[in-house]
C-alpha atoms as a PDB file:
ATOM      1  CA  MET A   1    -166.812 -68.230 255.966  1.00  0.00           C
ATOM      2  CA  LEU A   2    -164.318 -70.839 254.912  1.00  0.00           C
ATOM      3  CA  ALA A   3    -164.664 -69.852 251.380  1.00  0.00           C
ATOM      4  CA  SER A   4    -163.812 -66.153 251.812  1.00  0.00           C
ATOM      5  CA  THR A   5    -160.765 -67.096 254.038  1.00  0.00           C
ATOM      6  CA  LEU A   6    -159.619 -69.258 251.401  1.00  0.00           C
ATOM      7  CA  ARG A   7    -160.045 -66.549 248.883  1.00  0.00           C
ATOM      8  CA  CYS A   8    -158.163 -64.103 251.256  1.00  0.00           C
ATOM      9  CA  SER A   9    -155.367 -66.429 251.915  1.00  0.00           C
ATOM     10  CA  ARG A  10    -154.735 -66.384 248.068  1.00  0.00           C
ATOM     11  CA  CYS A  11    -154.977 -62.919 247.594  1.00  0.00           C
ATOM     12  CA  PRO A  12    -151.345 -61.966 248.443  1.00  0.00           C
ATOM     13  CA  ALA A  13    -149.961 -64.773 246.447  1.00  0.00           C
ATOM     14  CA  VAL A  14    -152.170 -63.850 243.418  1.00  0.00           C
ATOM     15  CA  ALA A  15    -151.292 -60.019 243.896  1.00  0.00           C
ATOM     16  CA  LEU A  16    -147.549 -61.008 244.195  1.00  0.00           C
ATOM     17  CA  LEU A  17    -147.551 -63.051 240.822  1.00  0.00           C
ATOM     18  CA  ALA A  18    -149.439 -60.283 239.199  1.00  0.00           C
ATOM     19  CA  LEU A  19    -147.035 -57.788 240.270  1.00  0.00           C
ATOM     20  CA  SER A  20    -144.120 -59.971 239.292  1.00  0.00           C
ATOM     21  CA  LEU A  21    -145.525 -60.423 235.917  1.00  0.00           C
ATOM     22  CA  LEU A  22    -146.160 -56.792 235.453  1.00  0.00           C
ATOM     23  CA  ILE A  23    -142.593 -55.955 236.522  1.00  0.00           C
ATOM     24  CA  GLY A  24    -141.275 -58.672 234.125  1.00  0.00           C
ATOM     25  CA  TRP A  25    -143.212 -57.059 231.171  1.00  0.00           C
ATOM     26  CA  SER A  26    -142.191 -53.543 231.878  1.00  0.00           C
ATOM     27  CA  GLU A  27    -138.496 -54.246 232.146  1.00  0.00           C
ATOM     28  CA  GLN A  28    -138.953 -56.153 228.701  1.00  0.00           C
ATOM     29  CA  ALA A  29    -140.665 -53.134 227.251  1.00  0.00           C
ATOM     30  CA  ALA A  30    -138.084 -50.729 228.687  1.00  0.00           C
ATOM     31  CA  VAL A  31    -135.273 -51.772 226.385  1.00  0.00           C
ATOM     32  CA  GLN A  32    -135.993 -52.904 222.865  1.00  0.00           C
ATOM     33  CA  HIS A  33    -133.293 -53.821 220.065  1.00  0.00           C
ATOM     34  CA  LEU A  34    -134.695 -52.831 216.691  1.00  0.00           C
ATOM     35  CA  HIS A  35    -133.002 -54.275 213.853  1.00  0.00           C
ATOM     36  CA  ARG A  36    -133.254 -52.496 210.443  1.00  0.00           C
ATOM     37  CA  VAL A  37    -132.028 -54.898 207.608  1.00  0.00           C
ATOM     38  CA  LEU A  38    -130.716 -53.056 204.819  1.00  0.00           C
ATOM     39  CA  SER A  39    -131.136 -55.935 202.561  1.00  0.00           C
ATOM     40  CA  PRO A  40    -133.215 -59.084 202.903  1.00  0.00           C
ATOM     41  CA  PRO A  41    -130.701 -61.489 201.700  1.00  0.00           C
ATOM     42  CA  LEU A  42    -128.274 -60.509 204.428  1.00  0.00           C
ATOM     43  CA  VAL A  43    -130.559 -62.432 206.856  1.00  0.00           C
ATOM     44  CA  ASP A  44    -131.790 -65.153 204.450  1.00  0.00           C
ATOM     45  CA  GLU A  45    -130.805 -68.761 205.405  1.00  0.00           C
ATOM     46  CA  ASP A  46    -130.459 -69.962 201.887  1.00  0.00           C
ATOM     47  CA  THR A  47    -128.072 -67.027 200.921  1.00  0.00           C
ATOM     48  CA  TYR A  48    -126.033 -67.854 204.085  1.00  0.00           C
ATOM     49  CA  VAL A  49    -125.836 -71.698 202.832  1.00  0.00           C
ATOM     50  CA  ALA A  50    -124.989 -70.525 199.297  1.00  0.00           C
ATOM     51  CA  VAL A  51    -122.072 -68.332 200.569  1.00  0.00           C
ATOM     52  CA  ASP A  52    -120.789 -71.056 202.794  1.00  0.00           C
ATOM     53  CA  GLU A  53    -120.735 -73.700 200.171  1.00  0.00           C
ATOM     54  CA  VAL A  54    -119.085 -71.463 197.530  1.00  0.00           C
ATOM     55  CA  ALA A  55    -116.540 -70.392 200.102  1.00  0.00           C
ATOM     56  CA  LYS A  56    -115.620 -73.922 201.238  1.00  0.00           C
ATOM     57  CA  GLN A  57    -115.267 -75.230 197.687  1.00  0.00           C
ATOM     58  CA  ALA A  58    -112.846 -72.348 196.788  1.00  0.00           C
ATOM     59  CA  GLN A  59    -111.006 -72.991 200.399  1.00  0.00           C
ATOM     60  CA  ARG A  60    -110.518 -76.732 199.218  1.00  0.00           C
ATOM     61  CA  GLU A  61    -108.842 -75.460 196.018  1.00  0.00           C
ATOM     62  CA  GLN A  62    -106.501 -72.925 197.631  1.00  0.00           C
ATOM     63  CA  ASP A  63    -102.963 -73.598 198.044  1.00  0.00           C
ATOM     64  CA  ASP A  64    -101.810 -70.703 200.426  1.00  0.00           C
ATOM     65  CA  PRO A  65    -104.270 -70.058 203.144  1.00  0.00           C
ATOM     66  CA  SER A  66    -101.866 -67.628 204.872  1.00  0.00           C
ATOM     67  CA  VAL A  67    -102.717 -64.709 202.325  1.00  0.00           C
ATOM     68  CA  ARG A  68    -105.529 -62.500 203.545  1.00  0.00           C
ATOM     69  CA  LEU A  69    -107.339 -60.419 200.939  1.00  0.00           C
ATOM     70  CA  LEU A  70    -109.983 -58.669 202.865  1.00  0.00           C
ATOM     71  CA  PRO A  71    -108.840 -55.843 205.157  1.00  0.00           C
ATOM     72  CA  ASN A  72    -110.120 -55.785 208.775  1.00  0.00           C
ATOM     73  CA  ILE A  73    -111.878 -52.657 209.237  1.00  0.00           C
ATOM     74  CA  LYS A  74    -112.237 -51.786 212.965  1.00  0.00           C
ATOM     75  CA  PRO A  75    -114.745 -49.024 213.775  1.00  0.00           C
ATOM     76  CA  ASN A  76    -113.492 -45.887 215.563  1.00  0.00           C
ATOM     77  CA  GLN A  77    -114.741 -42.614 216.080  1.00  0.00           C
ATOM     78  CA  GLU A  78    -114.281 -41.611 212.402  1.00  0.00           C
ATOM     79  CA  THR A  79    -115.751 -44.529 210.924  1.00  0.00           C
ATOM     80  CA  ARG A  80    -119.551 -45.422 211.882  1.00  0.00           C
ATOM     81  CA  ASP A  81    -121.087 -48.679 210.979  1.00  0.00           C
ATOM     82  CA  LEU A  82    -122.909 -47.453 208.034  1.00  0.00           C
ATOM     83  CA  GLU A  83    -119.723 -46.049 206.415  1.00  0.00           C
ATOM     84  CA  ILE A  84    -117.981 -49.503 207.149  1.00  0.00           C
ATOM     85  CA  CYS A  85    -120.894 -51.161 205.603  1.00  0.00           C
ATOM     86  CA  CYS A  86    -120.479 -48.901 202.490  1.00  0.00           C
ATOM     87  CA  ILE A  87    -116.900 -49.827 202.367  1.00  0.00           C
ATOM     88  CA  HIS A  88    -117.889 -53.443 202.345  1.00  0.00           C
ATOM     89  CA  ALA A  89    -120.548 -52.751 199.824  1.00  0.00           C
ATOM     90  CA  ASN A  90    -117.852 -51.389 197.410  1.00  0.00           C
ATOM     91  CA  ILE A  91    -115.753 -54.439 197.820  1.00  0.00           C
ATOM     92  CA  LEU A  92    -118.970 -56.554 197.200  1.00  0.00           C
ATOM     93  CA  ASP A  93    -119.203 -54.571 193.952  1.00  0.00           C
ATOM     94  CA  PHE A  94    -115.647 -55.502 193.136  1.00  0.00           C
ATOM     95  CA  TYR A  95    -116.815 -59.275 193.665  1.00  0.00           C
ATOM     96  CA  LEU A  96    -119.608 -58.710 191.393  1.00  0.00           C
ATOM     97  CA  ASN A  97    -117.580 -57.258 188.527  1.00  0.00           C
ATOM     98  CA  ASN A  98    -114.172 -58.787 188.776  1.00  0.00           C
ATOM     99  CA  VAL A  99    -114.714 -62.355 190.711  1.00  0.00           C
ATOM    100  CA  LEU A 100    -118.030 -63.824 190.155  1.00  0.00           C
ATOM    101  CA  PRO A 101    -118.234 -63.250 186.664  1.00  0.00           C
ATOM    102  CA  HIS A 102    -115.136 -65.501 186.018  1.00  0.00           C
ATOM    103  CA  HIS A 103    -116.207 -67.998 188.566  1.00  0.00           C
ATOM    104  CA  SER A 104    -117.118 -71.031 186.442  1.00  0.00           C
ATOM    105  CA  SER A 105    -118.540 -73.624 188.890  1.00  0.00           C
ATOM    106  CA  ASN A 106    -121.024 -76.474 188.722  1.00  0.00           C
ATOM    107  CA  ASN A 107    -121.831 -75.586 192.334  1.00  0.00           C
ATOM    108  CA  ALA A 108    -125.602 -75.359 192.597  1.00  0.00           C
ATOM    109  CA  HIS A 109    -125.241 -72.484 195.041  1.00  0.00           C
ATOM    110  CA  ALA A 110    -123.293 -70.168 192.569  1.00  0.00           C
ATOM    111  CA  HIS A 111    -126.208 -68.864 190.731  1.00  0.00           C
ATOM    112  CA  ARG A 112    -127.965 -68.112 193.914  1.00  0.00           C
ATOM    113  CA  LEU A 113    -124.967 -66.477 195.280  1.00  0.00           C
ATOM    114  CA  GLN A 114    -124.583 -64.041 192.177  1.00  0.00           C
ATOM    115  CA  THR A 115    -128.334 -63.247 192.399  1.00  0.00           C
ATOM    116  CA  ASP A 116    -128.380 -62.602 196.291  1.00  0.00           C
ATOM    117  CA  LEU A 117    -125.264 -60.601 196.153  1.00  0.00           C
ATOM    118  CA  SER A 118    -126.480 -58.248 193.428  1.00  0.00           C
ATOM    119  CA  ARG A 119    -129.629 -57.681 195.205  1.00  0.00           C
ATOM    120  CA  ILE A 120    -127.752 -56.778 198.366  1.00  0.00           C
ATOM    121  CA  SER A 121    -125.499 -54.597 196.296  1.00  0.00           C
ATOM    122  CA  GLN A 122    -128.575 -52.734 194.788  1.00  0.00           C
ATOM    123  CA  ASP A 123    -130.239 -52.512 198.145  1.00  0.00           C
ATOM    124  CA  LEU A 124    -127.344 -50.966 199.943  1.00  0.00           C
ATOM    125  CA  GLU A 125    -126.910 -48.267 197.083  1.00  0.00           C
ATOM    126  CA  THR A 126    -130.646 -47.517 197.558  1.00  0.00           C
ATOM    127  CA  HIS A 127    -129.814 -47.021 201.267  1.00  0.00           C
ATOM    128  CA  GLY A 128    -127.102 -44.484 200.449  1.00  0.00           C
ATOM    129  CA  CYS A 129    -123.792 -46.659 199.736  1.00  0.00           C
ATOM    130  CA  SER A 130    -122.549 -44.839 196.847  1.00  0.00           C
ATOM    131  CA  ILE A 131    -120.107 -47.240 195.319  1.00  0.00           C
ATOM    132  CA  ASN A 132    -118.358 -44.481 193.518  1.00  0.00           C
ATOM    133  CA  ARG A 133    -117.786 -42.684 196.911  1.00  0.00           C
ATOM    134  CA  TYR A 134    -115.988 -45.363 198.490  1.00  0.00           C
ATOM    135  CA  ARG A 135    -113.989 -46.744 195.356  1.00  0.00           C
ATOM    136  CA  ASP A 136    -110.962 -44.827 196.357  1.00  0.00           C
ATOM    137  CA  HIS A 137    -111.259 -45.525 200.088  1.00  0.00           C
ATOM    138  CA  GLN A 138    -107.841 -46.877 201.415  1.00  0.00           C
ATOM    139  CA  HIS A 139    -109.365 -50.294 202.507  1.00  0.00           C
ATOM    140  CA  ALA A 140    -111.056 -50.913 199.033  1.00  0.00           C
ATOM    141  CA  GLU A 141    -107.847 -50.003 197.284  1.00  0.00           C
ATOM    142  CA  GLU A 142    -105.789 -52.499 199.762  1.00  0.00           C
ATOM    143  CA  PHE A 143    -108.256 -55.203 198.884  1.00  0.00           C
ATOM    144  CA  SER A 144    -107.933 -54.563 195.116  1.00  0.00           C
ATOM    145  CA  ARG A 145    -104.140 -54.204 195.314  1.00  0.00           C
ATOM    146  CA  ARG A 146    -103.939 -57.654 197.221  1.00  0.00           C
ATOM    147  CA  PHE A 147    -106.337 -59.399 194.661  1.00  0.00           C
ATOM    148  CA  PHE A 148    -104.325 -58.129 191.608  1.00  0.00           C
ATOM    149  CA  ALA A 149    -101.071 -58.980 193.090  1.00  0.00           C
ATOM    150  CA  LEU A 150    -101.919 -62.912 192.849  1.00  0.00           C
ATOM    151  CA  ASP A 151    -101.918 -64.631 189.680  1.00  0.00           C
ATOM    152  CA  GLY A 152    -105.184 -65.435 187.818  1.00  0.00           C
ATOM    153  CA  ARG A 153    -106.703 -68.730 189.142  1.00  0.00           C
ATOM    154  CA  HIS A 154    -105.010 -68.185 192.494  1.00  0.00           C
ATOM    155  CA  ARG A 155    -106.584 -64.718 193.074  1.00  0.00           C
ATOM    156  CA  LEU A 156    -110.195 -66.089 192.103  1.00  0.00           C
ATOM    157  CA  ASN A 157    -109.833 -68.899 194.393  1.00  0.00           C
ATOM    158  CA  LYS A 158    -108.593 -66.650 197.193  1.00  0.00           C
ATOM    159  CA  ALA A 159    -111.372 -64.112 196.678  1.00  0.00           C
ATOM    160  CA  LEU A 160    -113.993 -66.833 196.586  1.00  0.00           C
ATOM    161  CA  GLY A 161    -112.580 -68.596 199.644  1.00  0.00           C
ATOM    162  CA  GLU A 162    -113.005 -65.168 201.635  1.00  0.00           C
ATOM    163  CA  ILE A 163    -116.659 -64.446 200.400  1.00  0.00           C
ATOM    164  CA  ASP A 164    -117.982 -65.847 203.778  1.00  0.00           C
ATOM    165  CA  ILE A 165    -115.941 -63.384 205.480  1.00  0.00           C
ATOM    166  CA  LEU A 166    -117.240 -60.417 203.328  1.00  0.00           C
ATOM    167  CA  PHE A 167    -120.686 -61.755 203.746  1.00  0.00           C
ATOM    168  CA  SER A 168    -120.025 -61.791 207.568  1.00  0.00           C
ATOM    169  CA  TYR A 169    -118.794 -58.291 207.504  1.00  0.00           C
ATOM    170  CA  LEU A 170    -121.773 -57.075 205.494  1.00  0.00           C
ATOM    171  CA  GLN A 171    -124.068 -58.829 208.162  1.00  0.00           C
ATOM    172  CA  ASP A 172    -122.217 -57.063 211.032  1.00  0.00           C
ATOM    173  CA  TYR A 173    -122.146 -53.613 209.509  1.00  0.00           C
ATOM    174  CA  CYS A 174    -125.366 -53.303 207.292  1.00  0.00           C
ATOM    175  CA  ILE A 175    -128.031 -54.677 209.770  1.00  0.00           C
ATOM    176  CA  GLN A 176    -128.398 -51.688 211.910  1.00  0.00           C
ATOM    177  CA  THR A 177    -129.227 -52.066 215.534  1.00  0.00           C
ATOM    178  CA  ASN A 178    -130.867 -49.133 217.508  1.00  0.00           C
ATOM    179  CA  VAL A 179    -131.424 -49.721 221.154  1.00  0.00           C
ATOM    180  CA  THR A 180    -134.177 -47.751 222.488  1.00  0.00           C
ATOM    181  CA  VAL A 181    -135.019 -47.113 226.101  1.00  0.00           C
ATOM    182  CA  ALA A 182    -138.700 -46.418 226.901  1.00  0.00           C
END
């Protein structure tokens, strides 16, 4: 009799615990954030370190930190994240063709950076970011105009000093997040 009374006295507590766990699991299952990474190096810690090291080295060599090359593109109703991603992919292509080949550095991270950024560019093109389509976009042209307005070594240091900003923009707009509600 005592054993059945003890079992019954625990029944409401066990039932309440089971119900609480069930509710907690169902609430977690109700909203899911799905991340679709368009290029694996965008979430690679070693790529991030390489970007950061190259940017910091170039920033130490800059003489005018007030000049900004990269435009700040704000999403609105006309520009979706994928379009902003593609505009930044175009600027990345500019870096690959006009900045990084002229970067002579003993920085151990420079080679990794070149390799990973090339991979990102290829991956984004595979996902539909046509570099030619965005070449004449106002933000890409603005970046190019600002870059070539500076003198040789200064523009390379400035661009390399902002490569962390470009990488951050690529991470913000080229990792797609879909929220699903079950």
